[in-house]
C-alpha atoms as a PDB file:
ATOM      1  CA  MET A   1      23.658  11.223  22.083  1.00  0.00           C
ATOM      2  CA  ASP A   2      21.211  10.247  19.271  1.00  0.00           C
ATOM      3  CA  VAL A   3      22.284  11.843  15.515  1.00  0.00           C
ATOM      4  CA  SER A   4      19.521  11.327  12.609  1.00  0.00           C
ATOM      5  CA  LEU A   5      21.036  12.493   9.090  1.00  0.00           C
ATOM      6  CA  PRO A   6      18.874  13.365   6.017  1.00  0.00           C
ATOM      7  CA  TRP A   7      16.280  10.190   5.628  1.00  0.00           C
ATOM      8  CA  PRO A   8      17.577   9.827   2.117  1.00  0.00           C
ATOM      9  CA  LEU A   9      20.982   9.375   2.586  1.00  0.00           C
ATOM     10  CA  GLU A  10      20.235   6.884   5.464  1.00  0.00           C
ATOM     11  CA  ARG A  11      18.476   4.770   3.031  1.00  0.00           C
ATOM     12  CA  ALA A  12      21.490   5.224   0.493  1.00  0.00           C
ATOM     13  CA  LEU A  13      24.335   4.144   3.209  1.00  0.00           C
ATOM     14  CA  ARG A  14      22.562   1.701   5.171  1.00  0.00           C
ATOM     15  CA  VAL A  15      22.976  -0.368   2.708  1.00  0.00           C
ATOM     16  CA  VAL A  16      26.436  -0.793   3.455  1.00  0.00           C
ATOM     17  CA  LEU A  17      26.529   1.027   6.328  1.00  0.00           C
ATOM     18  CA  ALA A  18      25.229   0.362   9.841  1.00  0.00           C
ATOM     19  CA  THR A  19      23.833   4.626  10.153  1.00  0.00           C
ATOM     20  CA  PRO A  20      21.727   5.796  13.649  1.00  0.00           C
ATOM     21  CA  ALA A  21      18.258   5.256  12.060  1.00  0.00           C
ATOM     22  CA  MET A  22      18.743   1.189  11.953  1.00  0.00           C
ATOM     23  CA  HIS A  23      20.791   0.647  14.536  1.00  0.00           C
ATOM     24  CA  ARG A  24      18.570   2.525  17.157  1.00  0.00           C
ATOM     25  CA  VAL A  25      15.705  -0.455  16.594  1.00  0.00           C
ATOM     26  CA  HIS A  26      18.418  -2.840  18.353  1.00  0.00           C
ATOM     27  CA  HIS A  27      17.956  -0.381  21.465  1.00  0.00           C
ATOM     28  CA  SER A  28      14.231  -0.223  21.703  1.00  0.00           C
ATOM     29  CA  ARG A  29      12.325  -1.786  24.710  1.00  0.00           C
ATOM     30  CA  GLU A  30      10.424  -3.885  22.636  1.00  0.00           C
ATOM     31  CA  LEU A  31      12.489  -7.114  23.015  1.00  0.00           C
ATOM     32  CA  PRO A  32      11.873  -8.392  19.214  1.00  0.00           C
ATOM     33  CA  GLU A  33      13.388  -5.546  17.774  1.00  0.00           C
ATOM     34  CA  THR A  34      16.393  -6.106  20.804  1.00  0.00           C
ATOM     35  CA  ASP A  35      17.111  -8.762  18.785  1.00  0.00           C
ATOM     36  CA  ARG A  36      17.497  -6.622  15.293  1.00  0.00           C
ATOM     37  CA  ASN A  37      20.312  -5.169  13.755  1.00  0.00           C
ATOM     38  CA  TYR A  38      23.355  -5.447  15.656  1.00  0.00           C
ATOM     39  CA  SER A  39      25.666  -4.421  13.609  1.00  0.00           C
ATOM     40  CA  ASN A  40      27.492  -1.121  14.393  1.00  0.00           C
ATOM     41  CA  ILE A  41      29.920  -0.395  11.112  1.00  0.00           C
ATOM     42  CA  PHE A  42      28.945  -2.826   8.029  1.00  0.00           C
ATOM     43  CA  SER A  43      24.972  -3.865   7.542  1.00  0.00           C
ATOM     44  CA  PHE A  44      25.414  -6.855   5.638  1.00  0.00           C
ATOM     45  CA  TRP A  45      25.969  -8.968   9.323  1.00  0.00           C
ATOM     46  CA  ASP A  46      22.525  -8.379   9.893  1.00  0.00           C
ATOM     47  CA  ARG A  47      21.387  -8.725   6.634  1.00  0.00           C
ATOM     48  CA  LEU A  48      23.461 -12.106   6.231  1.00  0.00           C
ATOM     49  CA  PHE A  49      22.733 -13.740   9.576  1.00  0.00           C
ATOM     50  CA  GLY A  50      18.292 -12.753   8.902  1.00  0.00           C
ATOM     51  CA  THR A  51      18.494 -10.178  11.544  1.00  0.00           C
ATOM     52  CA  TYR A  52      17.938  -7.143   9.547  1.00  0.00           C
ATOM     53  CA  ARG A  53      14.700  -5.166  10.473  1.00  0.00           C
ATOM     54  CA  VAL A  54      14.129  -1.535   8.198  1.00  0.00           C
ATOM     55  CA  PRO A  55      13.299   1.627   9.854  1.00  0.00           C
ATOM     56  CA  PHE A  56      10.762   3.641   9.158  1.00  0.00           C
ATOM     57  CA  GLN A  57      10.873   7.480   8.274  1.00  0.00           C
ATOM     58  CA  GLY A  58       9.517   8.438  11.276  1.00  0.00           C
ATOM     59  CA  GLU A  59       9.148   6.129  13.507  1.00  0.00           C
ATOM     60  CA  ARG A  60       9.467   6.730  17.585  1.00  0.00           C
ATOM     61  CA  ILE A  61      11.818   3.863  19.416  1.00  0.00           C
ATOM     62  CA  ALA A  62      10.865   3.425  23.548  1.00  0.00           C
ATOM     63  CA  PHE A  63      14.482   3.338  24.866  1.00  0.00           C
ATOM     64  CA  GLY A  64      16.605   1.663  27.410  1.00  0.00           C
ATOM     65  CA  LEU A  65      15.222  -1.793  29.519  1.00  0.00           C
ATOM     66  CA  ASP A  66      11.890  -1.946  31.592  1.00  0.00           C
ATOM     67  CA  GLY A  67      11.987  -1.208  34.969  1.00  0.00           C
ATOM     68  CA  CYS A  68      14.757   1.359  35.229  1.00  0.00           C
ATOM     69  CA  ASP A  69      13.515   4.962  34.356  1.00  0.00           C
ATOM     70  CA  ALA A  70      13.393   5.859  38.354  1.00  0.00           C
ATOM     71  CA  PRO A  71      16.911   7.009  39.866  1.00  0.00           C
END
């Protein structure tokens, strides 16, 4: 299930918590993004270990793994 929060709330919460938009980056098909935003609860872990990437409002992310789309 894909959950979205109002953008002002999203920005405020991700100071402390891993929000849906923040963690969504981790599930991208793009390799540099899959190595970002590992946090499930607290976003400070990604900042501490240098893996934080800021999500952008309205950003579209392609999810999944290449070669695993067809049944």
